[in-house]
Each structure stands twice: as C-alpha cells, then as structure tokens.
Amino acid sequence: MMANNTQIENVDTCIYLRQGYSTRDKNQDKEIQRRITAGSRAFAKHRDIFKGNIGTCLKRQVEISCVHPAMTYGAET
C-alpha cells in the first residue's frame, strides 16, 4: 500500500493509542495479558512504597495514579 509515495508496511499486530490490535487473532487474551503485565510492572516499580512503613492513604494514591492507569490503558514502557 502506498500513501504520498511512501510504502506503508503491512503488520499483523500493532499498538495504537495504548490498545493492542491484531488482524488475525480476534481473541482478547493477549491484550488482557499485556495489560496485566503492565500493571504488575507498575506495581513492582513502586514496591518500596507498598511494602514500606508509609500510610495507607499514600499507598492508595500511588495505586490509583500509577498502577490503575497501567492496567486500564496498558501503558507502554
């Protein structure tokens, strides 16, 4: 496929606006796993806060602002 005299590459999978897309696999298992992995990485990145002697209120704020977006939007790293 060409656009403005530029060859456009054909791919089977891609990530667009933090959402995984596949032209072949209509099953969402890979996207779900990708989001779970992103959430796990975000949690691990802030492990010192979650395991530390810090108030529950601050831990909850970190979870809401860092871990939840990674899982719900599949943040790319």
N, C-alpha and C. Protein backbone atom coordinates (compact mmCIF):
# COMPACT_ATOMS: atom_id res chain seq x y z
N MET A 1 0.85 -1.15 0.00
CA MET A 1 0.00 0.00 0.00
C MET A 1 0.90 1.23 0.00
N MET A 2 0.49 2.24 -0.74
CA MET A 2 1.26 3.48 -0.85
C MET A 2 0.42 4.66 -0.35
N ALA A 3 1.08 5.59 0.33
CA ALA A 3 0.45 6.83 0.76
C ALA A 3 1.47 7.95 0.58
N ASN A 4 1.13 8.94 -0.22
CA ASN A 4 2.05 10.05 -0.51
C ASN A 4 3.40 9.55 -0.99
N ASN A 5 3.36 8.60 -1.92
CA ASN A 5 4.58 8.00 -2.49
C ASN A 5 5.47 7.34 -1.45
N THR A 6 4.88 6.88 -0.36
CA THR A 6 5.61 6.17 0.69
C THR A 6 4.98 4.80 0.89
N GLN A 7 5.82 3.77 0.88
CA GLN A 7 5.34 2.42 1.10
C GLN A 7 4.94 2.25 2.56
N ILE A 8 3.73 1.76 2.79
CA ILE A 8 3.24 1.51 4.15
C ILE A 8 3.38 0.03 4.44
N GLU A 9 3.98 -0.27 5.57
CA GLU A 9 4.23 -1.66 5.95
C GLU A 9 2.95 -2.33 6.43
N ASN A 10 2.74 -3.57 6.02
CA ASN A 10 1.62 -4.40 6.49
C ASN A 10 2.08 -5.18 7.71
N VAL A 11 1.34 -5.09 8.81
CA VAL A 11 1.68 -5.83 10.02
C VAL A 11 0.46 -6.59 10.52
N ASP A 12 0.69 -7.67 11.26
CA ASP A 12 -0.40 -8.46 11.82
C ASP A 12 -0.90 -7.90 13.14
N THR A 13 0.01 -7.30 13.92
CA THR A 13 -0.38 -6.73 15.21
C THR A 13 0.28 -5.37 15.38
N CYS A 14 -0.37 -4.53 16.17
CA CYS A 14 0.20 -3.23 16.48
C CYS A 14 -0.45 -2.69 17.75
N ILE A 15 0.15 -1.66 18.31
CA ILE A 15 -0.41 -0.98 19.46
C ILE A 15 -0.70 0.45 19.02
N TYR A 16 -1.95 0.85 19.14
CA TYR A 16 -2.39 2.19 18.75
C TYR A 16 -3.21 2.77 19.88
N LEU A 17 -2.84 3.96 20.33
CA LEU A 17 -3.49 4.60 21.47
C LEU A 17 -3.56 3.66 22.67
N ARG A 18 -2.43 2.98 22.91
CA ARG A 18 -2.25 2.07 24.06
C ARG A 18 -3.19 0.87 24.04
N GLN A 19 -3.72 0.54 22.89
CA GLN A 19 -4.61 -0.62 22.74
C GLN A 19 -3.99 -1.55 21.72
N GLY A 20 -3.89 -2.84 22.04
CA GLY A 20 -3.34 -3.81 21.11
C GLY A 20 -4.37 -4.24 20.08
N TYR A 21 -3.96 -4.31 18.82
CA TYR A 21 -4.84 -4.72 17.73
C TYR A 21 -4.17 -5.84 16.94
N SER A 22 -4.98 -6.77 16.46
CA SER A 22 -4.49 -7.86 15.65
C SER A 22 -5.45 -8.08 14.49
N THR A 23 -4.88 -8.26 13.29
CA THR A 23 -5.73 -8.51 12.13
C THR A 23 -6.12 -9.98 12.02
N ARG A 24 -5.38 -10.83 12.68
CA ARG A 24 -5.64 -12.27 12.58
C ARG A 24 -6.34 -12.84 13.80
N ASP A 25 -5.88 -12.45 14.97
CA ASP A 25 -6.39 -13.04 16.21
C ASP A 25 -7.45 -12.14 16.82
N LYS A 26 -8.69 -12.58 16.81
CA LYS A 26 -9.78 -11.79 17.37
C LYS A 26 -9.95 -12.04 18.87
N ASN A 27 -9.20 -12.98 19.42
CA ASN A 27 -9.25 -13.30 20.84
C ASN A 27 -8.54 -12.20 21.62
N GLN A 28 -9.10 -11.77 22.72
CA GLN A 28 -8.55 -10.67 23.51
C GLN A 28 -7.58 -11.14 24.60
N ASP A 29 -7.27 -12.44 24.65
CA ASP A 29 -6.40 -12.97 25.70
C ASP A 29 -5.04 -12.28 25.73
N LYS A 30 -4.44 -12.04 24.57
CA LYS A 30 -3.11 -11.41 24.54
C LYS A 30 -3.18 -9.98 25.05
N GLU A 31 -4.24 -9.25 24.69
CA GLU A 31 -4.38 -7.87 25.16
C GLU A 31 -4.60 -7.84 26.67
N ILE A 32 -5.40 -8.76 27.18
CA ILE A 32 -5.64 -8.83 28.62
C ILE A 32 -4.34 -9.14 29.35
N GLN A 33 -3.58 -10.10 28.83
CA GLN A 33 -2.31 -10.47 29.45
C GLN A 33 -1.33 -9.30 29.40
N ARG A 34 -1.33 -8.56 28.30
CA ARG A 34 -0.44 -7.40 28.17
C ARG A 34 -0.76 -6.35 29.22
N ARG A 35 -2.04 -6.14 29.47
CA ARG A 35 -2.44 -5.14 30.47
C ARG A 35 -2.12 -5.61 31.89
N ILE A 36 -2.31 -6.89 32.16
CA ILE A 36 -1.96 -7.43 33.48
C ILE A 36 -0.46 -7.28 33.71
N THR A 37 0.33 -7.58 32.69
CA THR A 37 1.78 -7.44 32.80
C THR A 37 2.17 -5.99 33.05
N ALA A 38 1.51 -5.06 32.36
CA ALA A 38 1.81 -3.64 32.57
C ALA A 38 1.48 -3.23 34.00
N GLY A 39 0.38 -3.72 34.55
CA GLY A 39 0.02 -3.43 35.93
C GLY A 39 1.02 -4.02 36.91
N SER A 40 1.46 -5.24 36.64
CA SER A 40 2.46 -5.88 37.51
C SER A 40 3.77 -5.11 37.50
N ARG A 41 4.17 -4.63 36.33
CA ARG A 41 5.41 -3.85 36.23
C ARG A 41 5.28 -2.54 37.00
N ALA A 42 4.13 -1.89 36.88
CA ALA A 42 3.93 -0.63 37.60
C ALA A 42 3.94 -0.87 39.11
N PHE A 43 3.33 -1.97 39.54
CA PHE A 43 3.33 -2.31 40.96
C PHE A 43 4.76 -2.58 41.44
N ALA A 44 5.51 -3.36 40.67
CA ALA A 44 6.88 -3.69 41.05
C ALA A 44 7.76 -2.44 41.09
N LYS A 45 7.50 -1.51 40.21
CA LYS A 45 8.28 -0.27 40.16
C LYS A 45 8.12 0.54 41.45
N HIS A 46 6.96 0.41 42.08
CA HIS A 46 6.66 1.16 43.31
C HIS A 46 6.61 0.25 44.54
N ARG A 47 7.24 -0.89 44.45
CA ARG A 47 7.21 -1.88 45.53
C ARG A 47 7.69 -1.31 46.86
N ASP A 48 8.71 -0.47 46.84
CA ASP A 48 9.23 0.11 48.09
C ASP A 48 8.15 0.91 48.82
N ILE A 49 7.32 1.58 48.07
CA ILE A 49 6.23 2.36 48.68
C ILE A 49 5.20 1.42 49.29
N PHE A 50 4.81 0.39 48.54
CA PHE A 50 3.76 -0.51 49.02
C PHE A 50 4.22 -1.36 50.21
N LYS A 51 5.49 -1.70 50.27
CA LYS A 51 5.99 -2.52 51.37
C LYS A 51 6.54 -1.69 52.52
N GLY A 52 6.73 -0.41 52.29
CA GLY A 52 7.33 0.45 53.30
C GLY A 52 6.36 0.82 54.41
N ASN A 53 6.90 1.51 55.38
CA ASN A 53 6.13 1.96 56.54
C ASN A 53 5.52 3.32 56.23
N ILE A 54 4.71 3.35 55.19
CA ILE A 54 4.06 4.57 54.72
C ILE A 54 2.56 4.40 54.91
N GLY A 55 1.88 5.48 55.15
CA GLY A 55 0.45 5.43 55.39
C GLY A 55 -0.35 4.82 54.25
N THR A 56 -1.45 4.18 54.61
CA THR A 56 -2.32 3.53 53.64
C THR A 56 -2.88 4.53 52.64
N CYS A 57 -3.13 5.74 53.08
CA CYS A 57 -3.68 6.77 52.20
C CYS A 57 -2.72 7.07 51.05
N LEU A 58 -1.43 7.21 51.35
CA LEU A 58 -0.44 7.47 50.32
C LEU A 58 -0.28 6.26 49.39
N LYS A 59 -0.30 5.07 49.96
CA LYS A 59 -0.20 3.86 49.14
C LYS A 59 -1.36 3.79 48.15
N ARG A 60 -2.54 4.13 48.63
CA ARG A 60 -3.74 4.11 47.77
C ARG A 60 -3.61 5.15 46.65
N GLN A 61 -3.07 6.31 46.97
CA GLN A 61 -2.89 7.34 45.95
C GLN A 61 -1.91 6.89 44.87
N VAL A 62 -0.84 6.22 45.27
CA VAL A 62 0.13 5.70 44.31
C VAL A 62 -0.53 4.62 43.44
N GLU A 63 -1.32 3.76 44.06
CA GLU A 63 -2.01 2.71 43.31
C GLU A 63 -2.95 3.32 42.27
N ILE A 64 -3.73 4.30 42.69
CA ILE A 64 -4.70 4.92 41.78
C ILE A 64 -4.01 5.69 40.65
N SER A 65 -2.92 6.38 40.97
CA SER A 65 -2.28 7.21 39.96
C SER A 65 -1.26 6.49 39.09
N CYS A 66 -0.73 5.35 39.54
CA CYS A 66 0.33 4.66 38.79
C CYS A 66 -0.05 3.27 38.30
N VAL A 67 -0.65 2.47 39.17
CA VAL A 67 -0.93 1.07 38.82
C VAL A 67 -2.21 0.97 37.99
N HIS A 68 -3.27 1.61 38.41
CA HIS A 68 -4.54 1.51 37.68
C HIS A 68 -4.44 1.99 36.23
N PRO A 69 -3.81 3.14 35.97
CA PRO A 69 -3.69 3.55 34.57
C PRO A 69 -2.91 2.55 33.72
N ALA A 70 -1.89 1.95 34.30
CA ALA A 70 -1.11 0.96 33.55
C ALA A 70 -1.97 -0.23 33.15
N MET A 71 -2.87 -0.63 34.03
CA MET A 71 -3.72 -1.78 33.73
C MET A 71 -4.88 -1.40 32.82
N THR A 72 -5.49 -0.27 33.06
CA THR A 72 -6.67 0.08 32.28
C THR A 72 -6.33 0.61 30.90
N TYR A 73 -5.19 1.24 30.76
CA TYR A 73 -4.79 1.76 29.46
C TYR A 73 -3.62 0.99 28.87
N GLY A 74 -3.01 0.01 29.62
CA GLY A 74 -1.90 -0.77 29.09
C GLY A 74 -0.72 0.08 28.74
N ALA A 75 -0.33 0.91 29.66
CA ALA A 75 0.72 1.88 29.41
C ALA A 75 1.94 1.23 28.80
N GLU A 76 2.49 1.89 27.77
CA GLU A 76 3.68 1.39 27.12
C GLU A 76 4.91 1.85 27.88
N THR A 77 5.92 0.99 27.90
CA THR A 77 7.17 1.37 28.55
C THR A 77 8.30 1.25 27.58
